[in-house]
Amino acid sequence: MKTWFITGASRGFGALVVERALKKGDRVVATARNPQAVTDRFGENPNLLAVALDVTDEAQAIAAARAAVDRFDGIDILLNNAGFGLMGAVEETSAAEVETVFRTNVFGLLAVTRAVLPYMRERRSGHIINISSITGYSAVTGFGVYSATKFAVEGLSEALHSELAPLGIHVTSVEPGFFRTDFLDASSLLVSPARIADYDETAGKMRAVAAEVSHKQPGNPAKLADILIDIVDAANPPVRLPLGSDTVAAIEEKHRTDRAILDAWRSVSISTDFPQAEKSPVATGANN
């Protein structure tokens, strides 16, 4: 029996994982801004603790983690799922919009992770699963600022992976493509009201595409939730888990284009080093 700590648990991927974890017999700390929404959806269950949590409130994150440990004597899995999207060309997005999405998607994830990690380190075990996005690996036109938040999640996940592996704690960044959730409707997506005509053929087209494909995306969220339930039992879970055929295609295309850049610019890229004989003591490992 494992104990999950899930943010954004009242709907979307979070709610699907809550449902499956409880069915499996695991214990779940399901957090949401409105914990009553969790109780209304899943009812009373001795293995379920619904906790109020705005991930942007660090004190509340610390209290939620403490409540989880008091109730279930530990946290085995942290699923950082809370977040939302922001659509608009980079220039179209306001400073307030940028701050809002970073506060939840990046600073909120950090606050919850910092609150939970002391308990995992104490037990020398655990698994942190960060919901990223394909846009955190390959940026998408019209989602530049949102992509930036997910690039941040990718970097944090990679660093945490190397820092925590010696302590017996796994870290996985999950990269969904476009899944058939509420992500592209108003409940999960902030759309910048500013419009600049010069971006009509790029970010402007993405606004139209997003409205057209909402709730018609190719990815099945139930299958993603099943995979998250299974991956916590893996002996060596990956640091990065792409999910969705569109994600796989986007990663393969980015690898191809990056390889082309290296091939075309290799001589320039490697020309910036000092000559071998002039390398610094830091580079050569020499002592003063």
C-alpha atoms as a PDB file:
ATOM      1  CA  MET A   1       0.000   0.000   0.000  1.00  0.00           C
ATOM      2  CA  LYS A   2       1.478   3.326  -1.118  1.00  0.00           C
ATOM      3  CA  THR A   3       0.546   6.865  -0.115  1.00  0.00           C
ATOM      4  CA  TRP A   4       0.046   9.393  -2.902  1.00  0.00           C
ATOM      5  CA  PHE A   5       0.127  13.180  -2.525  1.00  0.00           C
ATOM      6  CA  ILE A   6      -1.614  14.661  -5.571  1.00  0.00           C
ATOM      7  CA  THR A   7      -2.029  18.330  -6.449  1.00  0.00           C
ATOM      8  CA  GLY A   8      -4.870  19.508  -8.674  1.00  0.00           C
ATOM      9  CA  ALA A   9      -6.773  16.364  -7.687  1.00  0.00           C
ATOM     10  CA  SER A  10     -10.361  17.471  -8.262  1.00  0.00           C
ATOM     11  CA  ARG A  11     -10.331  17.054 -12.049  1.00  0.00           C
ATOM     12  CA  GLY A  12      -8.261  16.141 -15.098  1.00  0.00           C
ATOM     13  CA  PHE A  13      -5.307  13.780 -14.804  1.00  0.00           C
ATOM     14  CA  GLY A  14      -5.233  14.289 -11.042  1.00  0.00           C
ATOM     15  CA  ALA A  15      -8.763  13.021 -10.472  1.00  0.00           C
ATOM     16  CA  LEU A  16      -8.222  10.030 -12.757  1.00  0.00           C
ATOM     17  CA  VAL A  17      -5.148   9.004 -10.774  1.00  0.00           C
ATOM     18  CA  VAL A  18      -6.990   9.466  -7.458  1.00  0.00           C
ATOM     19  CA  GLU A  19      -9.718   7.138  -8.704  1.00  0.00           C
ATOM     20  CA  ARG A  20      -7.264   4.443  -9.786  1.00  0.00           C
ATOM     21  CA  ALA A  21      -5.044   4.682  -6.730  1.00  0.00           C
ATOM     22  CA  LEU A  22      -8.017   4.226  -4.408  1.00  0.00           C
ATOM     23  CA  LYS A  23      -9.269   1.296  -6.476  1.00  0.00           C
ATOM     24  CA  LYS A  24      -5.812  -0.268  -6.180  1.00  0.00           C
ATOM     25  CA  GLY A  25      -6.037   0.023  -2.402  1.00  0.00           C
ATOM     26  CA  ASP A  26      -3.501   2.819  -2.040  1.00  0.00           C
ATOM     27  CA  ARG A  27      -3.937   5.808   0.239  1.00  0.00           C
ATOM     28  CA  VAL A  28      -4.383   9.226  -1.347  1.00  0.00           C
ATOM     29  CA  VAL A  29      -3.914  12.757  -0.113  1.00  0.00           C
ATOM     30  CA  ALA A  30      -5.938  14.617  -2.735  1.00  0.00           C
ATOM     31  CA  THR A  31      -5.323  18.351  -2.682  1.00  0.00           C
ATOM     32  CA  ALA A  32      -7.295  21.093  -4.384  1.00  0.00           C
ATOM     33  CA  ARG A  33      -8.166  24.729  -3.867  1.00  0.00           C
ATOM     34  CA  ASN A  34     -11.630  23.459  -2.948  1.00  0.00           C
ATOM     35  CA  PRO A  35     -11.259  20.087  -1.172  1.00  0.00           C
ATOM     36  CA  GLN A  36     -15.038  19.695  -1.053  1.00  0.00           C
ATOM     37  CA  ALA A  37     -14.919  19.088  -4.798  1.00  0.00           C
ATOM     38  CA  VAL A  38     -12.716  16.062  -4.092  1.00  0.00           C
ATOM     39  CA  THR A  39     -15.101  14.734  -1.441  1.00  0.00           C
ATOM     40  CA  ASP A  40     -18.106  15.312  -3.689  1.00  0.00           C
ATOM     41  CA  ARG A  41     -16.470  13.332  -6.480  1.00  0.00           C
ATOM     42  CA  PHE A  42     -15.036  10.413  -4.499  1.00  0.00           C
ATOM     43  CA  GLY A  43     -17.146  10.296  -1.364  1.00  0.00           C
ATOM     44  CA  GLU A  44     -15.946   9.318   2.086  1.00  0.00           C
ATOM     45  CA  ASN A  45     -13.134   6.778   2.118  1.00  0.00           C
ATOM     46  CA  PRO A  46     -10.743   5.901   4.961  1.00  0.00           C
ATOM     47  CA  ASN A  47      -7.903   5.839   2.419  1.00  0.00           C
ATOM     48  CA  LEU A  48      -8.681   9.341   1.146  1.00  0.00           C
ATOM     49  CA  LEU A  49      -7.692  12.638   2.743  1.00  0.00           C
ATOM     50  CA  ALA A  50      -8.960  15.741   0.951  1.00  0.00           C
ATOM     51  CA  VAL A  51      -6.842  18.772   1.794  1.00  0.00           C
ATOM     52  CA  ALA A  52      -7.126  22.431   0.829  1.00  0.00           C
ATOM     53  CA  LEU A  53      -4.081  23.536  -1.119  1.00  0.00           C
ATOM     54  CA  ASP A  54      -3.300  26.509  -3.286  1.00  0.00           C
ATOM     55  CA  VAL A  55       0.142  25.476  -4.530  1.00  0.00           C
ATOM     56  CA  THR A  56       1.231  29.116  -4.692  1.00  0.00           C
ATOM     57  CA  ASP A  57       0.891  29.335  -0.888  1.00  0.00           C
ATOM     58  CA  GLU A  58       4.077  27.812   0.547  1.00  0.00           C
ATOM     59  CA  ALA A  59       2.784  27.786   4.127  1.00  0.00           C
ATOM     60  CA  GLN A  60      -0.297  25.905   2.996  1.00  0.00           C
ATOM     61  CA  ALA A  61       1.899  23.398   1.132  1.00  0.00           C
ATOM     62  CA  ILE A  62       3.926  22.753   4.280  1.00  0.00           C
ATOM     63  CA  ALA A  63       0.742  22.269   6.309  1.00  0.00           C
ATOM     64  CA  ALA A  64      -0.728  19.906   3.706  1.00  0.00           C
ATOM     65  CA  ALA A  65       2.407  17.743   3.701  1.00  0.00           C
ATOM     66  CA  ARG A  66       2.366  17.634   7.496  1.00  0.00           C
ATOM     67  CA  ALA A  67      -1.317  16.617   7.481  1.00  0.00           C
ATOM     68  CA  ALA A  68      -0.519  13.810   5.022  1.00  0.00           C
ATOM     69  CA  VAL A  69       2.235  12.422   7.231  1.00  0.00           C
ATOM     70  CA  ASP A  70       0.121  12.744  10.366  1.00  0.00           C
ATOM     71  CA  ARG A  71      -2.704  10.796   8.730  1.00  0.00           C
ATOM     72  CA  PHE A  72      -0.799   8.149   6.758  1.00  0.00           C
ATOM     73  CA  ASP A  73       2.678   8.178   8.346  1.00  0.00           C
ATOM     74  CA  GLY A  74       4.522   9.153   5.179  1.00  0.00           C
ATOM     75  CA  ILE A  75       4.366  10.082   1.510  1.00  0.00           C
ATOM     76  CA  ASP A  76       5.545   7.609  -1.123  1.00  0.00           C
ATOM     77  CA  ILE A  77       4.550   9.422  -4.323  1.00  0.00           C
ATOM     78  CA  LEU A  78       4.239  13.116  -5.059  1.00  0.00           C
ATOM     79  CA  LEU A  79       2.276  13.850  -8.221  1.00  0.00           C
ATOM     80  CA  ASN A  80       2.761  17.503  -9.126  1.00  0.00           C
ATOM     81  CA  ASN A  81      -0.251  17.853 -11.396  1.00  0.00           C
ATOM     82  CA  ALA A  82      -1.640  21.326 -10.653  1.00  0.00           C
ATOM     83  CA  GLY A  83      -1.171  23.827 -13.452  1.00  0.00           C
ATOM     84  CA  PHE A  84      -2.827  25.645 -16.314  1.00  0.00           C
ATOM     85  CA  GLY A  85      -2.080  26.900 -19.801  1.00  0.00           C
ATOM     86  CA  LEU A  86      -1.519  30.332 -21.309  1.00  0.00           C
ATOM     87  CA  MET A  87      -2.099  30.954 -25.003  1.00  0.00           C
ATOM     88  CA  GLY A  88      -0.908  33.946 -26.978  1.00  0.00           C
ATOM     89  CA  ALA A  89       2.209  35.133 -28.768  1.00  0.00           C
ATOM     90  CA  VAL A  90       5.044  35.950 -26.393  1.00  0.00           C
ATOM     91  CA  GLU A  91       4.757  39.659 -27.152  1.00  0.00           C
ATOM     92  CA  GLU A  92       0.990  39.544 -26.674  1.00  0.00           C
ATOM     93  CA  THR A  93       1.178  38.187 -23.131  1.00  0.00           C
ATOM     94  CA  SER A  94       1.238  40.715 -20.315  1.00  0.00           C
ATOM     95  CA  ALA A  95       3.647  40.722 -17.395  1.00  0.00           C
ATOM     96  CA  ALA A  96       0.753  39.865 -15.065  1.00  0.00           C
ATOM     97  CA  GLU A  97      -0.215  36.858 -17.183  1.00  0.00           C
ATOM     98  CA  VAL A  98       3.375  35.629 -17.286  1.00  0.00           C
ATOM     99  CA  GLU A  99       3.713  35.982 -13.518  1.00  0.00           C
ATOM    100  CA  THR A 100       0.428  34.172 -12.891  1.00  0.00           C
ATOM    101  CA  VAL A 101       1.300  31.086 -14.938  1.00  0.00           C
ATOM    102  CA  PHE A 102       4.852  30.871 -13.578  1.00  0.00           C
ATOM    103  CA  ARG A 103       3.563  31.240 -10.015  1.00  0.00           C
ATOM    104  CA  THR A 104       1.457  28.092 -10.363  1.00  0.00           C
ATOM    105  CA  ASN A 105       3.338  25.938 -12.876  1.00  0.00           C
ATOM    106  CA  VAL A 106       6.861  26.532 -11.564  1.00  0.00           C
ATOM    107  CA  PHE A 107       6.924  28.227  -8.155  1.00  0.00           C
ATOM    108  CA  GLY A 108       3.935  26.191  -6.963  1.00  0.00           C
ATOM    109  CA  LEU A 109       5.574  22.946  -8.034  1.00  0.00           C
ATOM    110  CA  LEU A 110       8.724  24.009  -6.182  1.00  0.00           C
ATOM    111  CA  ALA A 111       6.821  24.923  -3.016  1.00  0.00           C
ATOM    112  CA  VAL A 112       5.060  21.560  -2.842  1.00  0.00           C
ATOM    113  CA  THR A 113       8.219  19.620  -3.686  1.00  0.00           C
ATOM    114  CA  ARG A 114      10.184  21.393  -0.963  1.00  0.00           C
ATOM    115  CA  ALA A 115       7.375  20.678   1.510  1.00  0.00           C
ATOM    116  CA  VAL A 116       7.301  16.945   0.747  1.00  0.00           C
ATOM    117  CA  LEU A 117      10.988  16.173   0.266  1.00  0.00           C
ATOM    118  CA  PRO A 118      12.051  16.222   3.933  1.00  0.00           C
ATOM    119  CA  TYR A 119       9.710  13.292   4.612  1.00  0.00           C
ATOM    120  CA  MET A 120      10.975  11.341   1.603  1.00  0.00           C
ATOM    121  CA  ARG A 121      14.608  12.012   2.521  1.00  0.00           C
ATOM    122  CA  GLU A 122      13.977  10.843   6.060  1.00  0.00           C
ATOM    123  CA  ARG A 123      12.730   7.495   4.746  1.00  0.00           C
ATOM    124  CA  ARG A 124      15.271   7.334   1.882  1.00  0.00           C
ATOM    125  CA  SER A 125      12.507   6.435  -0.562  1.00  0.00           C
ATOM    126  CA  GLY A 126       9.870   8.035  -2.755  1.00  0.00           C
ATOM    127  CA  HIS A 127       8.925   9.001  -6.283  1.00  0.00           C
ATOM    128  CA  ILE A 128       8.246  12.515  -7.550  1.00  0.00           C
ATOM    129  CA  ILE A 129       6.213  12.674 -10.757  1.00  0.00           C
ATOM    130  CA  ASN A 130       6.050  16.098 -12.401  1.00  0.00           C
ATOM    131  CA  ILE A 131       3.439  16.636 -15.087  1.00  0.00           C
ATOM    132  CA  SER A 132       5.288  18.521 -17.791  1.00  0.00           C
ATOM    133  CA  SER A 133       4.259  18.679 -21.454  1.00  0.00           C
ATOM    134  CA  ILE A 134       5.616  18.087 -24.919  1.00  0.00           C
ATOM    135  CA  THR A 135       5.832  21.889 -25.007  1.00  0.00           C
ATOM    136  CA  GLY A 136       8.505  21.569 -22.326  1.00  0.00           C
ATOM    137  CA  TYR A 137      10.674  19.645 -24.781  1.00  0.00           C
ATOM    138  CA  SER A 138       9.718  21.315 -28.038  1.00  0.00           C
ATOM    139  CA  ALA A 139       8.063  24.727 -27.779  1.00  0.00           C
ATOM    140  CA  VAL A 140       4.772  25.296 -29.591  1.00  0.00           C
ATOM    141  CA  THR A 141       3.848  28.496 -31.418  1.00  0.00           C
ATOM    142  CA  GLY A 142       1.258  30.444 -29.460  1.00  0.00           C
ATOM    143  CA  PHE A 143       2.184  28.734 -26.195  1.00  0.00           C
ATOM    144  CA  GLY A 144       5.600  30.318 -25.707  1.00  0.00           C
ATOM    145  CA  VAL A 145       5.228  31.411 -22.086  1.00  0.00           C
ATOM    146  CA  TYR A 146       3.467  28.193 -21.102  1.00  0.00           C
ATOM    147  CA  SER A 147       6.279  26.289 -22.856  1.00  0.00           C
ATOM    148  CA  ALA A 148       8.787  28.269 -20.802  1.00  0.00           C
ATOM    149  CA  THR A 149       7.143  27.082 -17.572  1.00  0.00           C
ATOM    150  CA  LYS A 150       7.337  23.487 -18.728  1.00  0.00           C
ATOM    151  CA  PHE A 151      10.961  23.871 -19.867  1.00  0.00           C
ATOM    152  CA  ALA A 152      11.574  24.977 -16.273  1.00  0.00           C
ATOM    153  CA  VAL A 153       9.824  21.845 -14.983  1.00  0.00           C
ATOM    154  CA  GLU A 154      12.034  19.712 -17.243  1.00  0.00           C
ATOM    155  CA  GLY A 155      15.213  21.340 -15.918  1.00  0.00           C
ATOM    156  CA  LEU A 156      14.112  21.041 -12.309  1.00  0.00           C
ATOM    157  CA  SER A 157      13.175  17.395 -12.824  1.00  0.00           C
ATOM    158  CA  GLU A 158      16.550  16.514 -14.346  1.00  0.00           C
ATOM    159  CA  ALA A 159      18.442  18.233 -11.537  1.00  0.00           C
ATOM    160  CA  LEU A 160      16.262  16.651  -8.856  1.00  0.00           C
ATOM    161  CA  HIS A 161      16.783  13.265 -10.486  1.00  0.00           C
ATOM    162  CA  SER A 162      20.561  13.492 -10.076  1.00  0.00           C
ATOM    163  CA  GLU A 163      20.380  15.042  -6.601  1.00  0.00           C
ATOM    164  CA  LEU A 164      17.895  12.527  -5.199  1.00  0.00           C
ATOM    165  CA  ALA A 165      18.957   9.267  -6.839  1.00  0.00           C
ATOM    166  CA  PRO A 166      21.657   8.619  -4.196  1.00  0.00           C
ATOM    167  CA  LEU A 167      18.939   9.024  -1.546  1.00  0.00           C
ATOM    168  CA  GLY A 168      16.683   6.364  -3.060  1.00  0.00           C
ATOM    169  CA  ILE A 169      14.155   8.857  -4.456  1.00  0.00           C
ATOM    170  CA  HIS A 170      13.073   8.664  -8.105  1.00  0.00           C
ATOM    171  CA  VAL A 171      12.019  11.631 -10.241  1.00  0.00           C
ATOM    172  CA  THR A 172      10.062  11.408 -13.488  1.00  0.00           C
ATOM    173  CA  SER A 173       8.963  14.221 -15.775  1.00  0.00           C
ATOM    174  CA  VAL A 174       5.853  13.140 -17.695  1.00  0.00           C
ATOM    175  CA  GLU A 175       5.465  14.777 -21.120  1.00  0.00           C
ATOM    176  CA  PRO A 176       1.908  14.417 -22.412  1.00  0.00           C
ATOM    177  CA  GLY A 177       1.012  15.523 -25.890  1.00  0.00           C
ATOM    178  CA  PHE A 178      -2.518  16.720 -26.588  1.00  0.00           C
ATOM    179  CA  PHE A 179      -4.874  14.632 -24.473  1.00  0.00           C
ATOM    180  CA  ARG A 180      -8.650  14.868 -24.439  1.00  0.00           C
ATOM    181  CA  THR A 181      -9.027  16.826 -21.196  1.00  0.00           C
ATOM    182  CA  ASP A 182     -10.303  20.312 -20.343  1.00  0.00           C
ATOM    183  CA  PHE A 183      -6.864  21.807 -20.999  1.00  0.00           C
ATOM    184  CA  LEU A 184      -7.959  23.830 -24.042  1.00  0.00           C
ATOM    185  CA  ASP A 185     -11.146  25.247 -22.553  1.00  0.00           C
ATOM    186  CA  ALA A 186     -11.618  28.212 -20.242  1.00  0.00           C
ATOM    187  CA  SER A 187     -11.391  26.148 -17.048  1.00  0.00           C
ATOM    188  CA  SER A 188      -7.716  25.342 -17.668  1.00  0.00           C
ATOM    189  CA  LEU A 189      -6.469  27.750 -20.316  1.00  0.00           C
ATOM    190  CA  LEU A 190      -5.831  31.466 -19.954  1.00  0.00           C
ATOM    191  CA  VAL A 191      -6.001  33.199 -23.340  1.00  0.00           C
ATOM    192  CA  SER A 192      -4.289  36.546 -23.637  1.00  0.00           C
ATOM    193  CA  PRO A 193      -6.855  39.145 -24.776  1.00  0.00           C
ATOM    194  CA  ALA A 194      -4.201  41.198 -26.574  1.00  0.00           C
ATOM    195  CA  ARG A 195      -4.008  40.600 -30.323  1.00  0.00           C
ATOM    196  CA  ILE A 196      -1.255  41.827 -32.636  1.00  0.00           C
ATOM    197  CA  ALA A 197      -2.031  41.471 -36.329  1.00  0.00           C
ATOM    198  CA  ASP A 198       1.568  40.594 -37.236  1.00  0.00           C
ATOM    199  CA  TYR A 199       1.083  37.262 -35.430  1.00  0.00           C
ATOM    200  CA  ASP A 200      -2.158  36.299 -37.190  1.00  0.00           C
ATOM    201  CA  GLU A 201      -0.384  33.648 -39.307  1.00  0.00           C
ATOM    202  CA  THR A 202       1.459  32.080 -36.349  1.00  0.00           C
ATOM    203  CA  ALA A 203       0.088  32.429 -32.824  1.00  0.00           C
ATOM    204  CA  GLY A 204      -3.210  33.665 -34.241  1.00  0.00           C
ATOM    205  CA  LYS A 205      -3.692  30.463 -36.201  1.00  0.00           C
ATOM    206  CA  MET A 206      -2.944  28.439 -33.066  1.00  0.00           C
ATOM    207  CA  ARG A 207      -5.807  30.190 -31.265  1.00  0.00           C
ATOM    208  CA  ALA A 208      -8.171  28.944 -33.956  1.00  0.00           C
ATOM    209  CA  VAL A 209      -6.702  25.442 -33.985  1.00  0.00           C
ATOM    210  CA  ALA A 210      -6.959  25.156 -30.202  1.00  0.00           C
ATOM    211  CA  ALA A 211     -10.632  26.102 -30.244  1.00  0.00           C
ATOM    212  CA  GLU A 212     -11.316  23.588 -33.019  1.00  0.00           C
ATOM    213  CA  VAL A 213      -9.554  20.593 -31.461  1.00  0.00           C
ATOM    214  CA  SER A 214     -10.652  21.119 -27.846  1.00  0.00           C
ATOM    215  CA  HIS A 215     -12.121  17.811 -26.573  1.00  0.00           C
ATOM    216  CA  LYS A 216     -11.070  16.168 -29.856  1.00  0.00           C
ATOM    217  CA  GLN A 217      -7.418  15.633 -28.945  1.00  0.00           C
ATOM    218  CA  PRO A 218      -5.885  12.236 -29.840  1.00  0.00           C
ATOM    219  CA  GLY A 219      -4.641  11.271 -26.378  1.00  0.00           C
ATOM    220  CA  ASN A 220      -6.763   9.134 -24.036  1.00  0.00           C
ATOM    221  CA  PRO A 221      -6.394  10.511 -20.470  1.00  0.00           C
ATOM    222  CA  ALA A 222      -7.574   7.239 -18.917  1.00  0.00           C
ATOM    223  CA  LYS A 223      -4.629   5.420 -20.504  1.00  0.00           C
ATOM    224  CA  LEU A 224      -2.218   8.064 -19.209  1.00  0.00           C
ATOM    225  CA  ALA A 225      -3.615   7.631 -15.693  1.00  0.00           C
ATOM    226  CA  ASP A 226      -3.174   3.849 -15.951  1.00  0.00           C
ATOM    227  CA  ILE A 227       0.484   4.335 -16.880  1.00  0.00           C
ATOM    228  CA  LEU A 228       1.097   6.647 -13.912  1.00  0.00           C
ATOM    229  CA  ILE A 229      -0.375   4.043 -11.575  1.00  0.00           C
ATOM    230  CA  ASP A 230       1.918   1.379 -13.044  1.00  0.00           C
ATOM    231  CA  ILE A 231       5.134   3.393 -13.293  1.00  0.00           C
ATOM    232  CA  VAL A 232       5.458   3.823  -9.529  1.00  0.00           C
ATOM    233  CA  ASP A 233       6.043   0.074  -9.298  1.00  0.00           C
ATOM    234  CA  ALA A 234       8.889   0.140 -11.829  1.00  0.00           C
ATOM    235  CA  ALA A 235      12.313  -0.713 -10.410  1.00  0.00           C
ATOM    236  CA  ASN A 236      14.029   1.963 -12.518  1.00  0.00           C
ATOM    237  CA  PRO A 237      11.500   4.550 -13.724  1.00  0.00           C
ATOM    238  CA  PRO A 238      12.706   6.967 -16.427  1.00  0.00           C
ATOM    239  CA  VAL A 239      13.643  10.557 -15.727  1.00  0.00           C
ATOM    240  CA  ARG A 240      11.549  11.537 -18.743  1.00  0.00           C
ATOM    241  CA  LEU A 241       8.393   9.791 -19.966  1.00  0.00           C
ATOM    242  CA  PRO A 242       6.915  10.988 -23.286  1.00  0.00           C
ATOM    243  CA  LEU A 243       3.251  10.006 -23.683  1.00  0.00           C
ATOM    244  CA  GLY A 244       1.282  10.280 -26.910  1.00  0.00           C
ATOM    245  CA  SER A 245       2.151   9.635 -30.540  1.00  0.00           C
ATOM    246  CA  ASP A 246       2.284  13.404 -31.133  1.00  0.00           C
ATOM    247  CA  THR A 247       4.859  13.742 -28.362  1.00  0.00           C
ATOM    248  CA  VAL A 248       7.029  11.007 -29.845  1.00  0.00           C
ATOM    249  CA  ALA A 249       6.840  12.627 -33.298  1.00  0.00           C
ATOM    250  CA  ALA A 250       7.724  16.062 -31.906  1.00  0.00           C
ATOM    251  CA  ILE A 251      10.740  14.717 -29.996  1.00  0.00           C
ATOM    252  CA  GLU A 252      11.996  12.840 -33.040  1.00  0.00           C
ATOM    253  CA  GLU A 253      11.644  15.965 -35.177  1.00  0.00           C
ATOM    254  CA  LYS A 254      13.508  18.093 -32.630  1.00  0.00           C
ATOM    255  CA  HIS A 255      16.324  15.545 -32.522  1.00  0.00           C
ATOM    256  CA  ARG A 256      16.534  15.716 -36.330  1.00  0.00           C
ATOM    257  CA  THR A 257      16.654  19.519 -36.446  1.00  0.00           C
ATOM    258  CA  ASP A 258      19.134  19.759 -33.567  1.00  0.00           C
ATOM    259  CA  ARG A 259      21.392  17.248 -35.313  1.00  0.00           C
ATOM    260  CA  ALA A 260      21.233  19.398 -38.451  1.00  0.00           C
ATOM    261  CA  ILE A 261      22.285  22.455 -36.405  1.00  0.00           C
ATOM    262  CA  LEU A 262      25.243  20.589 -34.901  1.00  0.00           C
ATOM    263  CA  ASP A 263      26.328  19.328 -38.294  1.00  0.00           C
ATOM    264  CA  ALA A 264      26.102  22.777 -39.902  1.00  0.00           C
ATOM    265  CA  TRP A 265      27.673  24.772 -37.058  1.00  0.00           C
ATOM    266  CA  ARG A 266      30.015  22.279 -35.383  1.00  0.00           C
ATOM    267  CA  SER A 267      33.233  24.105 -36.289  1.00  0.00           C
ATOM    268  CA  VAL A 268      31.842  27.362 -34.895  1.00  0.00           C
ATOM    269  CA  SER A 269      30.461  25.680 -31.785  1.00  0.00           C
ATOM    270  CA  ILE A 270      33.762  24.109 -30.786  1.00  0.00           C
ATOM    271  CA  SER A 271      35.905  27.093 -31.771  1.00  0.00           C
ATOM    272  CA  THR A 272      35.233  28.985 -28.537  1.00  0.00           C
ATOM    273  CA  ASP A 273      37.515  26.872 -26.282  1.00  0.00           C
ATOM    274  CA  PHE A 274      40.972  27.984 -25.217  1.00  0.00           C
ATOM    275  CA  PRO A 275      43.777  26.059 -26.940  1.00  0.00           C
ATOM    276  CA  GLN A 276      44.461  22.809 -25.095  1.00  0.00           C
ATOM    277  CA  ALA A 277      47.751  24.043 -23.628  1.00  0.00           C
ATOM    278  CA  GLU A 278      46.098  27.171 -22.254  1.00  0.00           C
ATOM    279  CA  LYS A 279      43.174  25.533 -20.504  1.00  0.00           C
ATOM    280  CA  SER A 280      42.578  26.717 -16.971  1.00  0.00           C
ATOM    281  CA  PRO A 281      43.510  24.708 -13.860  1.00  0.00           C
ATOM    282  CA  VAL A 282      39.766  24.177 -13.255  1.00  0.00           C
ATOM    283  CA  ALA A 283      39.356  22.548 -16.656  1.00  0.00           C
ATOM    284  CA  THR A 284      42.460  20.363 -16.292  1.00  0.00           C
ATOM    285  CA  GLY A 285      42.008  19.490 -12.631  1.00  0.00           C
ATOM    286  CA  ALA A 286      45.394  20.979 -11.705  1.00  0.00           C
ATOM    287  CA  ASN A 287      46.083  22.345  -8.244  1.00  0.00           C
ATOM    288  CA  ASN A 288      47.365  25.818  -7.431  1.00  0.00           C
END
